[in-house]
Every structure is written in C-alpha cells, then in structure tokens.
N, C-alpha and C. Protein backbone atom coordinates (compact mmCIF):
# COMPACT_ATOMS: atom_id res chain seq x y z
N MET A 1 -1.94 21.56 17.46
CA MET A 1 -2.27 20.65 16.36
C MET A 1 -2.97 19.39 16.86
N ARG A 2 -3.04 19.19 18.17
CA ARG A 2 -3.70 17.99 18.69
C ARG A 2 -5.08 18.31 19.25
N ARG A 3 -5.73 19.26 18.62
CA ARG A 3 -7.06 19.68 19.06
C ARG A 3 -7.81 20.27 17.87
N ARG A 4 -9.09 19.93 17.75
CA ARG A 4 -9.90 20.45 16.64
C ARG A 4 -11.32 20.67 17.15
N GLU A 5 -11.80 21.90 17.04
CA GLU A 5 -13.14 22.22 17.50
C GLU A 5 -14.09 22.26 16.30
N PHE A 6 -15.29 21.75 16.50
CA PHE A 6 -16.31 21.75 15.45
C PHE A 6 -17.68 21.64 16.11
N GLY A 7 -18.58 22.57 15.76
CA GLY A 7 -19.92 22.54 16.33
C GLY A 7 -19.90 22.53 17.86
N HIS A 8 -20.61 21.57 18.44
CA HIS A 8 -20.69 21.44 19.89
C HIS A 8 -19.65 20.46 20.43
N PHE A 9 -18.64 20.14 19.61
CA PHE A 9 -17.68 19.11 20.01
C PHE A 9 -16.24 19.60 19.85
N VAL A 10 -15.34 18.89 20.48
CA VAL A 10 -13.91 19.12 20.29
C VAL A 10 -13.23 17.75 20.22
N ALA A 11 -12.34 17.59 19.26
CA ALA A 11 -11.55 16.37 19.14
C ALA A 11 -10.15 16.68 19.64
N ARG A 12 -9.62 15.80 20.47
CA ARG A 12 -8.28 16.02 21.04
C ARG A 12 -7.69 14.69 21.50
N LYS A 13 -6.44 14.74 21.91
CA LYS A 13 -5.74 13.56 22.41
C LYS A 13 -6.31 13.17 23.78
N ALA A 14 -6.53 11.89 23.99
CA ALA A 14 -6.97 11.41 25.30
C ALA A 14 -5.85 11.58 26.31
N ILE A 15 -6.22 11.95 27.53
CA ILE A 15 -5.22 12.21 28.58
C ILE A 15 -5.47 11.34 29.81
N LEU A 16 -6.69 11.37 30.32
CA LEU A 16 -7.02 10.69 31.57
C LEU A 16 -7.30 9.22 31.35
N ASP A 17 -7.09 8.43 32.42
CA ASP A 17 -7.44 7.01 32.36
C ASP A 17 -8.92 6.82 32.05
N GLU A 18 -9.76 7.73 32.60
CA GLU A 18 -11.20 7.63 32.35
C GLU A 18 -11.51 7.82 30.87
N GLU A 19 -10.71 8.64 30.19
CA GLU A 19 -10.92 8.85 28.76
C GLU A 19 -10.49 7.63 27.95
N TYR A 20 -9.38 7.01 28.36
CA TYR A 20 -8.97 5.77 27.71
C TYR A 20 -10.02 4.68 27.92
N TRP A 21 -10.56 4.62 29.13
CA TRP A 21 -11.57 3.60 29.43
C TRP A 21 -12.83 3.83 28.57
N THR A 22 -13.27 5.08 28.45
CA THR A 22 -14.47 5.37 27.67
C THR A 22 -14.23 5.08 26.19
N ALA A 23 -13.03 5.36 25.70
CA ALA A 23 -12.69 5.02 24.32
C ALA A 23 -12.77 3.51 24.13
N ALA A 24 -12.25 2.77 25.10
CA ALA A 24 -12.30 1.30 25.03
C ALA A 24 -13.74 0.80 25.07
N TRP A 25 -14.58 1.44 25.88
CA TRP A 25 -15.98 1.02 25.98
C TRP A 25 -16.73 1.30 24.69
N LEU A 26 -16.46 2.45 24.05
CA LEU A 26 -17.08 2.75 22.76
C LEU A 26 -16.72 1.68 21.72
N ARG A 27 -15.48 1.23 21.75
CA ARG A 27 -15.04 0.20 20.81
C ARG A 27 -15.72 -1.13 21.10
N ALA A 28 -15.92 -1.42 22.39
CA ALA A 28 -16.62 -2.65 22.76
C ALA A 28 -18.07 -2.60 22.28
N GLU A 29 -18.71 -1.45 22.46
CA GLU A 29 -20.10 -1.32 22.01
C GLU A 29 -20.20 -1.46 20.49
N ALA A 30 -19.25 -0.88 19.77
CA ALA A 30 -19.28 -0.97 18.31
C ALA A 30 -19.04 -2.41 17.87
N HIS A 31 -18.12 -3.11 18.56
CA HIS A 31 -17.78 -4.49 18.21
C HIS A 31 -18.98 -5.42 18.38
N TRP A 32 -19.77 -5.17 19.44
CA TRP A 32 -20.89 -6.06 19.76
C TRP A 32 -22.23 -5.48 19.33
N GLU A 33 -22.21 -4.37 18.58
CA GLU A 33 -23.46 -3.68 18.22
C GLU A 33 -24.43 -4.58 17.48
N SER A 34 -23.95 -5.33 16.52
CA SER A 34 -24.84 -6.17 15.71
C SER A 34 -25.26 -7.45 16.42
N LEU A 35 -24.68 -7.68 17.61
CA LEU A 35 -24.99 -8.91 18.36
C LEU A 35 -25.64 -8.59 19.70
N SER A 36 -26.31 -7.45 19.77
CA SER A 36 -26.90 -7.00 21.04
C SER A 36 -27.99 -7.94 21.55
N TYR A 37 -28.51 -8.79 20.68
CA TYR A 37 -29.57 -9.73 21.08
C TYR A 37 -29.02 -10.94 21.85
N MET A 38 -27.72 -11.13 21.83
CA MET A 38 -27.13 -12.31 22.47
C MET A 38 -27.23 -12.24 23.98
N ARG A 39 -27.38 -13.40 24.59
CA ARG A 39 -27.37 -13.47 26.05
C ARG A 39 -25.97 -13.11 26.56
N HIS A 40 -25.93 -12.49 27.70
CA HIS A 40 -24.67 -12.13 28.37
C HIS A 40 -23.80 -11.18 27.54
N VAL A 41 -24.42 -10.46 26.59
CA VAL A 41 -23.61 -9.59 25.73
C VAL A 41 -22.93 -8.49 26.53
N ASP A 42 -23.56 -8.02 27.61
CA ASP A 42 -22.95 -6.96 28.41
C ASP A 42 -21.67 -7.43 29.08
N SER A 43 -21.65 -8.68 29.52
CA SER A 43 -20.42 -9.19 30.15
C SER A 43 -19.32 -9.36 29.11
N TYR A 44 -19.70 -9.73 27.88
CA TYR A 44 -18.72 -9.82 26.80
C TYR A 44 -18.15 -8.45 26.47
N LYS A 45 -19.02 -7.45 26.43
CA LYS A 45 -18.58 -6.09 26.14
C LYS A 45 -17.62 -5.58 27.21
N ARG A 46 -17.95 -5.86 28.47
CA ARG A 46 -17.08 -5.40 29.55
C ARG A 46 -15.70 -6.06 29.46
N LYS A 47 -15.67 -7.34 29.19
CA LYS A 47 -14.38 -8.03 29.06
C LYS A 47 -13.58 -7.46 27.89
N TYR A 48 -14.26 -7.24 26.76
CA TYR A 48 -13.62 -6.66 25.57
C TYR A 48 -13.06 -5.28 25.92
N ALA A 49 -13.86 -4.45 26.61
CA ALA A 49 -13.44 -3.09 26.96
C ALA A 49 -12.24 -3.12 27.89
N GLU A 50 -12.23 -4.03 28.86
CA GLU A 50 -11.10 -4.12 29.79
C GLU A 50 -9.82 -4.48 29.06
N GLU A 51 -9.91 -5.46 28.15
CA GLU A 51 -8.73 -5.87 27.39
C GLU A 51 -8.23 -4.73 26.50
N GLU A 52 -9.16 -4.03 25.86
CA GLU A 52 -8.79 -2.92 24.99
C GLU A 52 -8.20 -1.75 25.78
N PHE A 53 -8.73 -1.50 26.98
CA PHE A 53 -8.23 -0.42 27.82
C PHE A 53 -6.74 -0.61 28.12
N TYR A 54 -6.39 -1.80 28.58
CA TYR A 54 -4.98 -2.06 28.91
C TYR A 54 -4.11 -2.10 27.66
N ALA A 55 -4.62 -2.66 26.57
CA ALA A 55 -3.86 -2.69 25.32
C ALA A 55 -3.65 -1.28 24.78
N LEU A 56 -4.69 -0.44 24.89
CA LEU A 56 -4.60 0.94 24.42
C LEU A 56 -3.56 1.72 25.20
N LYS A 57 -3.54 1.55 26.51
CA LYS A 57 -2.54 2.26 27.32
C LYS A 57 -1.13 1.79 26.98
N ARG A 58 -0.98 0.48 26.74
CA ARG A 58 0.35 -0.02 26.36
C ARG A 58 0.79 0.58 25.03
N ARG A 59 -0.14 0.64 24.07
CA ARG A 59 0.22 1.20 22.76
C ARG A 59 0.62 2.67 22.88
N CYS A 60 -0.17 3.44 23.63
CA CYS A 60 0.08 4.88 23.72
C CYS A 60 1.29 5.22 24.58
N HIS A 61 1.76 4.25 25.36
CA HIS A 61 2.97 4.47 26.16
C HIS A 61 4.17 3.76 25.55
N GLY A 62 4.01 3.29 24.29
CA GLY A 62 5.14 2.69 23.57
C GLY A 62 5.61 1.38 24.13
N GLN A 63 4.69 0.60 24.71
CA GLN A 63 5.09 -0.64 25.38
C GLN A 63 4.72 -1.90 24.62
N ASP A 64 4.15 -1.76 23.40
CA ASP A 64 3.76 -2.96 22.67
C ASP A 64 4.72 -3.31 21.54
N GLY A 65 5.59 -2.36 21.17
CA GLY A 65 6.63 -2.64 20.18
C GLY A 65 6.15 -2.71 18.74
N LYS A 66 4.85 -2.47 18.49
CA LYS A 66 4.33 -2.57 17.13
C LYS A 66 4.29 -1.22 16.42
N SER A 67 4.33 -0.12 17.17
CA SER A 67 4.29 1.22 16.59
C SER A 67 5.42 2.06 17.13
N LEU A 68 5.90 2.99 16.32
CA LEU A 68 6.90 3.94 16.81
C LEU A 68 6.22 4.94 17.76
N ASN A 69 4.95 5.22 17.48
CA ASN A 69 4.18 6.13 18.33
C ASN A 69 2.71 5.83 18.12
N CYS A 70 1.90 6.07 19.14
CA CYS A 70 0.46 5.84 19.04
C CYS A 70 -0.27 6.95 19.77
N PHE A 71 -1.29 7.50 19.14
CA PHE A 71 -2.13 8.53 19.75
C PHE A 71 -3.56 8.02 19.78
N CYS A 72 -4.22 8.20 20.91
CA CYS A 72 -5.64 7.93 21.01
C CYS A 72 -6.36 9.27 21.02
N PHE A 73 -7.22 9.50 20.03
CA PHE A 73 -8.00 10.73 19.99
C PHE A 73 -9.44 10.45 20.41
N VAL A 74 -10.04 11.41 21.08
CA VAL A 74 -11.44 11.30 21.48
C VAL A 74 -12.17 12.58 21.05
N ALA A 75 -13.45 12.41 20.71
CA ALA A 75 -14.32 13.55 20.42
C ALA A 75 -15.23 13.74 21.62
N ILE A 76 -15.26 14.97 22.15
CA ILE A 76 -15.94 15.24 23.42
C ILE A 76 -16.94 16.38 23.24
N LYS A 77 -18.08 16.26 23.90
CA LYS A 77 -19.05 17.36 23.90
C LYS A 77 -18.43 18.54 24.64
N LYS A 78 -18.58 19.74 24.10
CA LYS A 78 -18.06 20.92 24.78
C LYS A 78 -18.80 21.13 26.10
N GLU A 79 -18.09 21.69 27.05
CA GLU A 79 -18.66 21.90 28.37
C GLU A 79 -19.82 22.90 28.32
N ASP A 80 -20.85 22.60 29.06
CA ASP A 80 -22.01 23.46 29.21
C ASP A 80 -22.16 23.77 30.69
N LYS A 81 -22.14 25.03 31.04
CA LYS A 81 -22.19 25.42 32.46
C LYS A 81 -23.44 24.90 33.15
N ASN A 82 -24.51 24.69 32.39
CA ASN A 82 -25.76 24.27 33.00
C ASN A 82 -25.96 22.76 33.00
N VAL A 83 -24.99 22.03 32.44
CA VAL A 83 -25.13 20.57 32.36
C VAL A 83 -23.88 19.91 32.92
N ARG A 84 -24.09 19.01 33.85
CA ARG A 84 -22.97 18.26 34.42
C ARG A 84 -22.92 16.88 33.75
N ARG A 85 -21.77 16.56 33.17
CA ARG A 85 -21.63 15.28 32.48
C ARG A 85 -20.44 14.51 33.04
N THR A 86 -20.56 13.20 33.08
CA THR A 86 -19.43 12.35 33.40
C THR A 86 -18.59 12.19 32.14
N VAL A 87 -17.36 11.70 32.30
CA VAL A 87 -16.51 11.44 31.13
C VAL A 87 -17.19 10.45 30.19
N LEU A 88 -17.86 9.44 30.78
CA LEU A 88 -18.53 8.42 29.99
C LEU A 88 -19.60 9.02 29.10
N ASN A 89 -20.29 10.04 29.58
CA ASN A 89 -21.36 10.68 28.81
C ASN A 89 -20.85 11.79 27.89
N SER A 90 -19.61 12.22 28.09
CA SER A 90 -19.07 13.33 27.31
C SER A 90 -18.41 12.87 26.02
N ILE A 91 -17.76 11.72 26.05
CA ILE A 91 -17.01 11.25 24.88
C ILE A 91 -17.95 10.54 23.91
N VAL A 92 -17.92 11.00 22.65
CA VAL A 92 -18.84 10.46 21.65
C VAL A 92 -18.11 9.79 20.48
N GLY A 93 -16.79 9.85 20.46
CA GLY A 93 -16.06 9.23 19.37
C GLY A 93 -14.60 8.99 19.73
N THR A 94 -13.96 8.10 19.01
CA THR A 94 -12.55 7.80 19.27
C THR A 94 -11.90 7.20 18.03
N LEU A 95 -10.60 7.34 17.93
CA LEU A 95 -9.80 6.62 16.93
C LEU A 95 -8.35 6.61 17.38
N ASP A 96 -7.58 5.70 16.81
CA ASP A 96 -6.14 5.61 17.06
C ASP A 96 -5.38 6.08 15.82
N LEU A 97 -4.29 6.78 16.06
CA LEU A 97 -3.34 7.12 15.00
C LEU A 97 -2.01 6.49 15.38
N ASN A 98 -1.50 5.61 14.52
CA ASN A 98 -0.24 4.93 14.77
C ASN A 98 0.82 5.38 13.78
N ILE A 99 2.00 5.68 14.28
CA ILE A 99 3.15 5.95 13.43
C ILE A 99 3.95 4.66 13.38
N LYS A 100 4.06 4.09 12.19
CA LYS A 100 4.69 2.79 12.05
C LYS A 100 5.85 2.84 11.06
N GLN A 101 6.52 1.72 10.94
CA GLN A 101 7.64 1.61 10.01
C GLN A 101 7.43 0.37 9.15
N PHE A 102 7.59 0.53 7.84
CA PHE A 102 7.49 -0.62 6.96
C PHE A 102 8.59 -1.62 7.28
N ARG A 103 8.22 -2.88 7.33
CA ARG A 103 9.23 -3.93 7.46
C ARG A 103 9.96 -4.07 6.13
N GLN A 104 11.10 -4.72 6.15
CA GLN A 104 11.89 -4.86 4.93
C GLN A 104 11.05 -5.56 3.85
N GLY A 105 10.95 -4.93 2.69
CA GLY A 105 10.20 -5.49 1.58
C GLY A 105 8.73 -5.15 1.59
N GLU A 106 8.23 -4.51 2.65
CA GLU A 106 6.82 -4.17 2.75
C GLU A 106 6.55 -2.89 1.96
N THR A 107 5.56 -2.93 1.06
CA THR A 107 5.23 -1.77 0.24
C THR A 107 4.01 -1.03 0.77
N HIS A 108 3.07 -1.75 1.35
CA HIS A 108 1.89 -1.21 2.00
C HIS A 108 1.70 -2.00 3.29
N PRO A 109 0.93 -1.50 4.25
CA PRO A 109 0.69 -2.27 5.48
C PRO A 109 0.19 -3.68 5.17
N GLY A 110 0.98 -4.67 5.55
CA GLY A 110 0.60 -6.06 5.33
C GLY A 110 0.89 -6.59 3.93
N LYS A 111 1.52 -5.78 3.09
CA LYS A 111 1.80 -6.19 1.70
C LYS A 111 3.31 -6.13 1.46
N SER A 112 3.93 -7.28 1.15
CA SER A 112 5.39 -7.33 1.01
C SER A 112 5.80 -7.78 -0.39
N LYS A 113 7.00 -7.38 -0.77
CA LYS A 113 7.63 -7.88 -1.99
C LYS A 113 9.11 -8.07 -1.68
N LYS A 114 9.75 -8.92 -2.45
CA LYS A 114 11.17 -9.18 -2.22
C LYS A 114 11.98 -7.93 -2.56
N LEU A 115 12.92 -7.60 -1.67
CA LEU A 115 13.75 -6.41 -1.86
C LEU A 115 15.18 -6.78 -1.53
N SER A 116 16.10 -6.44 -2.41
CA SER A 116 17.50 -6.79 -2.17
C SER A 116 18.04 -6.02 -0.97
N ALA A 117 18.99 -6.61 -0.28
CA ALA A 117 19.57 -5.99 0.90
C ALA A 117 20.26 -4.68 0.54
N VAL A 118 20.84 -4.61 -0.67
CA VAL A 118 21.54 -3.39 -1.11
C VAL A 118 20.55 -2.24 -1.23
N LEU A 119 19.42 -2.49 -1.93
CA LEU A 119 18.42 -1.45 -2.11
C LEU A 119 17.79 -1.05 -0.78
N ALA A 120 17.56 -2.03 0.08
CA ALA A 120 16.96 -1.74 1.39
C ALA A 120 17.87 -0.87 2.22
N GLY A 121 19.19 -1.10 2.12
CA GLY A 121 20.13 -0.32 2.89
C GLY A 121 20.25 1.11 2.41
N GLN A 122 19.95 1.35 1.11
CA GLN A 122 20.06 2.69 0.55
C GLN A 122 18.83 3.54 0.83
N GLU A 123 17.76 2.93 1.30
CA GLU A 123 16.51 3.65 1.51
C GLU A 123 16.59 4.51 2.77
N PRO A 124 16.27 5.82 2.70
CA PRO A 124 16.31 6.68 3.88
C PRO A 124 15.36 6.16 4.95
N PHE A 125 15.75 6.29 6.22
CA PHE A 125 14.94 5.76 7.32
C PHE A 125 13.55 6.38 7.33
N ASP A 126 13.46 7.70 7.15
CA ASP A 126 12.16 8.37 7.22
C ASP A 126 11.21 7.91 6.12
N SER A 127 11.73 7.46 5.00
CA SER A 127 10.86 7.03 3.91
C SER A 127 10.15 5.73 4.23
N ARG A 128 10.61 5.04 5.27
CA ARG A 128 9.99 3.76 5.64
C ARG A 128 8.92 3.94 6.72
N LYS A 129 8.66 5.18 7.13
CA LYS A 129 7.63 5.44 8.13
C LYS A 129 6.31 5.79 7.45
N TYR A 130 5.23 5.48 8.13
CA TYR A 130 3.91 5.85 7.62
C TYR A 130 2.93 5.97 8.79
N ALA A 131 1.79 6.59 8.54
CA ALA A 131 0.76 6.75 9.56
C ALA A 131 -0.41 5.81 9.24
N TYR A 132 -1.02 5.28 10.29
CA TYR A 132 -2.10 4.30 10.12
C TYR A 132 -3.22 4.59 11.11
N ILE A 133 -4.44 4.62 10.61
CA ILE A 133 -5.62 4.88 11.44
C ILE A 133 -6.32 3.58 11.76
N ALA A 134 -6.78 3.44 13.01
CA ALA A 134 -7.50 2.23 13.42
C ALA A 134 -8.54 2.58 14.47
N ASN A 135 -9.47 1.67 14.66
CA ASN A 135 -10.46 1.76 15.75
C ASN A 135 -11.31 3.03 15.71
N VAL A 136 -11.78 3.38 14.51
CA VAL A 136 -12.65 4.55 14.38
C VAL A 136 -14.05 4.17 14.89
N CYS A 137 -14.53 4.85 15.93
CA CYS A 137 -15.84 4.56 16.51
C CYS A 137 -16.55 5.86 16.87
N VAL A 138 -17.85 5.90 16.62
CA VAL A 138 -18.70 7.01 17.05
C VAL A 138 -19.92 6.42 17.74
N ALA A 139 -20.27 6.99 18.89
CA ALA A 139 -21.44 6.51 19.62
C ALA A 139 -22.67 6.53 18.72
N LYS A 140 -23.51 5.53 18.87
CA LYS A 140 -24.65 5.37 17.96
C LYS A 140 -25.54 6.61 17.94
N PHE A 141 -25.76 7.23 19.10
CA PHE A 141 -26.67 8.38 19.18
C PHE A 141 -26.06 9.66 18.60
N ALA A 142 -24.74 9.65 18.33
CA ALA A 142 -24.06 10.87 17.90
C ALA A 142 -23.58 10.82 16.46
N ARG A 143 -24.04 9.85 15.70
CA ARG A 143 -23.56 9.71 14.33
C ARG A 143 -24.20 10.75 13.40
N ARG A 144 -23.54 10.94 12.24
CA ARG A 144 -23.98 11.89 11.21
C ARG A 144 -23.92 13.34 11.70
N ARG A 145 -22.94 13.64 12.54
CA ARG A 145 -22.73 15.01 13.00
C ARG A 145 -21.32 15.50 12.67
N GLY A 146 -20.64 14.81 11.80
CA GLY A 146 -19.29 15.21 11.41
C GLY A 146 -18.22 14.81 12.40
N ILE A 147 -18.54 13.93 13.34
CA ILE A 147 -17.57 13.56 14.38
C ILE A 147 -16.44 12.73 13.80
N ALA A 148 -16.76 11.70 13.03
CA ALA A 148 -15.72 10.84 12.46
C ALA A 148 -14.82 11.64 11.52
N SER A 149 -15.42 12.45 10.65
CA SER A 149 -14.62 13.20 9.69
C SER A 149 -13.68 14.18 10.37
N ASN A 150 -14.13 14.85 11.42
CA ASN A 150 -13.26 15.80 12.12
C ASN A 150 -12.15 15.10 12.91
N MET A 151 -12.43 13.94 13.45
CA MET A 151 -11.35 13.17 14.10
C MET A 151 -10.32 12.75 13.06
N LEU A 152 -10.78 12.38 11.87
CA LEU A 152 -9.87 11.99 10.80
C LEU A 152 -9.02 13.17 10.33
N TYR A 153 -9.63 14.36 10.21
CA TYR A 153 -8.87 15.55 9.84
C TYR A 153 -7.80 15.85 10.89
N LEU A 154 -8.15 15.69 12.17
CA LEU A 154 -7.18 15.92 13.23
C LEU A 154 -6.04 14.91 13.14
N ALA A 155 -6.37 13.66 12.90
CA ALA A 155 -5.34 12.63 12.78
C ALA A 155 -4.41 12.94 11.61
N ALA A 156 -4.98 13.41 10.50
CA ALA A 156 -4.15 13.76 9.34
C ALA A 156 -3.23 14.93 9.67
N ASP A 157 -3.73 15.92 10.40
CA ASP A 157 -2.91 17.07 10.79
C ASP A 157 -1.73 16.62 11.66
N VAL A 158 -2.02 15.76 12.63
CA VAL A 158 -0.97 15.29 13.55
C VAL A 158 0.05 14.44 12.79
N ALA A 159 -0.42 13.59 11.87
CA ALA A 159 0.49 12.78 11.08
C ALA A 159 1.39 13.66 10.23
N THR A 160 0.84 14.72 9.65
CA THR A 160 1.63 15.65 8.84
C THR A 160 2.69 16.34 9.69
N THR A 161 2.28 16.78 10.89
CA THR A 161 3.22 17.43 11.80
C THR A 161 4.36 16.49 12.20
N ALA A 162 4.03 15.19 12.28
CA ALA A 162 5.05 14.19 12.63
C ALA A 162 5.95 13.85 11.46
N GLY A 163 5.71 14.49 10.30
CA GLY A 163 6.58 14.29 9.15
C GLY A 163 6.16 13.15 8.23
N MET A 164 4.97 12.60 8.45
CA MET A 164 4.52 11.49 7.62
C MET A 164 4.05 12.00 6.25
N LYS A 165 4.23 11.17 5.25
CA LYS A 165 3.83 11.52 3.88
C LYS A 165 2.59 10.76 3.43
N GLN A 166 2.25 9.68 4.14
CA GLN A 166 1.13 8.86 3.71
C GLN A 166 0.36 8.32 4.92
N LEU A 167 -0.95 8.31 4.78
CA LEU A 167 -1.84 7.86 5.85
C LEU A 167 -2.69 6.71 5.30
N PHE A 168 -2.68 5.58 6.03
CA PHE A 168 -3.41 4.39 5.58
C PHE A 168 -4.56 4.06 6.53
N VAL A 169 -5.54 3.32 6.00
CA VAL A 169 -6.62 2.79 6.82
C VAL A 169 -7.19 1.56 6.12
N HIS A 170 -7.60 0.56 6.89
CA HIS A 170 -8.33 -0.58 6.35
C HIS A 170 -9.82 -0.39 6.64
N VAL A 171 -10.66 -0.70 5.68
CA VAL A 171 -12.11 -0.55 5.81
C VAL A 171 -12.78 -1.86 5.41
N ASN A 172 -13.82 -2.25 6.15
CA ASN A 172 -14.56 -3.45 5.78
C ASN A 172 -15.11 -3.30 4.36
N ALA A 173 -14.98 -4.36 3.59
CA ALA A 173 -15.40 -4.32 2.19
C ALA A 173 -16.90 -4.08 2.04
N ASP A 174 -17.68 -4.47 3.04
CA ASP A 174 -19.13 -4.30 2.94
C ASP A 174 -19.63 -3.02 3.62
N ASN A 175 -18.70 -2.18 4.08
CA ASN A 175 -19.08 -0.93 4.76
C ASN A 175 -18.98 0.24 3.79
N ASN A 176 -19.98 0.36 2.93
CA ASN A 176 -19.95 1.42 1.92
C ASN A 176 -20.00 2.83 2.50
N PRO A 177 -20.80 3.09 3.57
CA PRO A 177 -20.79 4.45 4.15
C PRO A 177 -19.41 4.88 4.63
N ALA A 178 -18.66 3.95 5.26
CA ALA A 178 -17.31 4.28 5.72
C ALA A 178 -16.39 4.56 4.55
N GLN A 179 -16.50 3.76 3.50
CA GLN A 179 -15.66 3.99 2.32
C GLN A 179 -15.96 5.34 1.70
N ASP A 180 -17.23 5.70 1.64
CA ASP A 180 -17.62 7.01 1.08
C ASP A 180 -17.06 8.15 1.93
N LEU A 181 -17.08 7.97 3.25
CA LEU A 181 -16.53 8.99 4.16
C LEU A 181 -15.05 9.20 3.89
N TYR A 182 -14.28 8.12 3.82
CA TYR A 182 -12.84 8.24 3.59
C TYR A 182 -12.55 8.87 2.23
N LYS A 183 -13.32 8.50 1.22
CA LYS A 183 -13.12 9.09 -0.12
C LYS A 183 -13.40 10.58 -0.10
N LYS A 184 -14.42 10.99 0.64
CA LYS A 184 -14.77 12.41 0.73
C LYS A 184 -13.64 13.21 1.37
N ILE A 185 -12.94 12.59 2.31
CA ILE A 185 -11.84 13.28 3.00
C ILE A 185 -10.58 13.33 2.14
N GLY A 186 -10.46 12.41 1.19
CA GLY A 186 -9.29 12.42 0.32
C GLY A 186 -8.56 11.10 0.19
N PHE A 187 -9.09 10.04 0.81
CA PHE A 187 -8.48 8.72 0.69
C PHE A 187 -8.82 8.11 -0.66
N GLN A 188 -7.91 7.27 -1.15
CA GLN A 188 -8.13 6.52 -2.37
C GLN A 188 -7.87 5.05 -2.10
N VAL A 189 -8.54 4.21 -2.86
CA VAL A 189 -8.36 2.76 -2.69
C VAL A 189 -6.99 2.35 -3.22
N VAL A 190 -6.25 1.63 -2.38
CA VAL A 190 -4.94 1.11 -2.77
C VAL A 190 -5.06 -0.33 -3.21
N GLU A 191 -5.86 -1.07 -2.45
CA GLU A 191 -5.99 -2.50 -2.73
C GLU A 191 -7.42 -2.95 -2.43
N GLU A 192 -8.09 -3.49 -3.44
CA GLU A 192 -9.45 -3.96 -3.28
C GLU A 192 -9.45 -5.29 -2.52
N ALA A 193 -10.56 -5.57 -1.84
CA ALA A 193 -10.73 -6.86 -1.18
C ALA A 193 -11.04 -7.91 -2.23
N SER A 194 -10.71 -9.16 -1.93
CA SER A 194 -11.00 -10.24 -2.88
C SER A 194 -12.49 -10.51 -2.97
N SER A 195 -13.22 -10.11 -1.91
CA SER A 195 -14.67 -10.25 -1.90
C SER A 195 -15.26 -9.02 -1.23
N SER A 196 -16.40 -8.57 -1.70
CA SER A 196 -17.04 -7.38 -1.11
C SER A 196 -18.27 -7.75 -0.30
N THR A 197 -18.41 -9.02 0.02
CA THR A 197 -19.62 -9.48 0.72
C THR A 197 -19.35 -9.99 2.12
N SER A 198 -18.11 -9.93 2.55
CA SER A 198 -17.76 -10.48 3.87
C SER A 198 -17.20 -9.39 4.77
N GLU A 199 -17.59 -9.43 6.05
CA GLU A 199 -17.06 -8.47 7.02
C GLU A 199 -15.58 -8.69 7.26
N ASP A 200 -15.08 -9.90 6.97
CA ASP A 200 -13.67 -10.21 7.21
C ASP A 200 -12.77 -9.64 6.12
N GLU A 201 -13.36 -9.29 4.98
CA GLU A 201 -12.56 -8.76 3.88
C GLU A 201 -12.35 -7.26 4.07
N LYS A 202 -11.12 -6.82 3.86
CA LYS A 202 -10.77 -5.42 4.07
C LYS A 202 -10.28 -4.77 2.79
N ILE A 203 -10.60 -3.50 2.64
CA ILE A 203 -10.07 -2.67 1.57
C ILE A 203 -9.02 -1.75 2.18
N LEU A 204 -7.88 -1.65 1.55
CA LEU A 204 -6.82 -0.75 2.03
C LEU A 204 -6.95 0.58 1.28
N MET A 205 -7.02 1.68 2.03
CA MET A 205 -7.12 3.02 1.44
C MET A 205 -5.98 3.88 1.97
N SER A 206 -5.58 4.87 1.20
CA SER A 206 -4.49 5.76 1.64
C SER A 206 -4.74 7.18 1.19
N MET A 207 -4.07 8.10 1.86
CA MET A 207 -4.15 9.53 1.52
C MET A 207 -2.76 10.12 1.58
N GLU A 208 -2.40 10.88 0.56
CA GLU A 208 -1.12 11.58 0.54
C GLU A 208 -1.24 12.81 1.46
N LEU A 209 -0.22 13.02 2.29
CA LEU A 209 -0.23 14.14 3.23
C LEU A 209 0.68 15.25 2.75
C-alpha cells in the first residue's frame, strides 16, 4: 500500500537519506521559484533545503512531537537499463502525510471551539485522529504528468490503511490549479479564506476516506 506505479513513474515512501535530501531540495526550489531573479537565491535555497532535510527526518522518525506519524512520499522515474540517473535526477515529486490528533476542542486543523471536559472525555480516542497532507511539490519540468494526483492517491490509500476517516489539506487561496486538482480527486472546501488574493490566505479542504 506504500507504492503506486503510473506511466514512467512510481510513487513510494522515501527510504534513503539522499531521497530525503532531494525531497527537501524540491521544496526549496518550489519555495523560491517565483523569486529566482534575486541575488544569492541559490544560497537561500540551499539553506532552506538543509533546514527542511533535518526537520523532515525528525518528523518521519517521530522526534518533533507534532504528529503521531509522518510519511514522506517521493515520485521517482522508473529505472531504465540504458540510462544512469542520480537520486537527485530521479525524484520528480514529493509530499508529506501526517497522522495527527485533534487537540481538545479542535474541530478542524487549526479551528477550535469550546468543548466541555465531560464530552471530551466520552469521545473515542480514534475519532480524534486525522490525516493531513503538506509540502506537495513537483519538479517544474515534470508537471502535468499526473505526478501530484498519483502521490495524493497513494497518501489517501496509506491514510485509509492507518484507519483514518478524514484527510485534510491547506491550499493557497490564489492557487486555482491546485484547488481544481484536489477537487478532481475528491476533496471539498471546508473553510474558505477571508481573502482570495493573497498567498498568505489558505483554504482548508478535506476528503472522506
């Protein structure tokens, strides 16, 4: 369940340090993509990637305390006997799947309401768990090949196997292509952003598993 093949690619759980590093580098490139004209942008990307690499390893080894479990998935070009590729050139996409627990009174990720201690104590432990997707990135040269959607399908499969009933994701309010992708897969808007013109504004979407 932690592997999905499609076309010339396969999506699976990251294993090697080199795969974690490449996932971190893809995220750095995506983060700085719109600012590629800036001076010293490569040094900024490297610093971002280094910080993300160590943070990613901590998350996936359960050392950050924010998730019950964390999986880093990568999309990789299938091996070709006639072509030798490095890990850096093989990985074309990445995302994180986090298994989390609602805090007391939390109804959606980051959304809380007052809840009596009696009602909170009666709630089954498993009902307070949920799955959350973050850091979805696809290399610029490999976009529009179904890579993001297949990584998302794999994440949904793994979340279902882990017993989760709901999968959440935050999307930039001004990123209409991403919103359309999530809707096509089965996500629905849970909470609209207060503004749809700012990159800082997020829309919360969810999918029943």
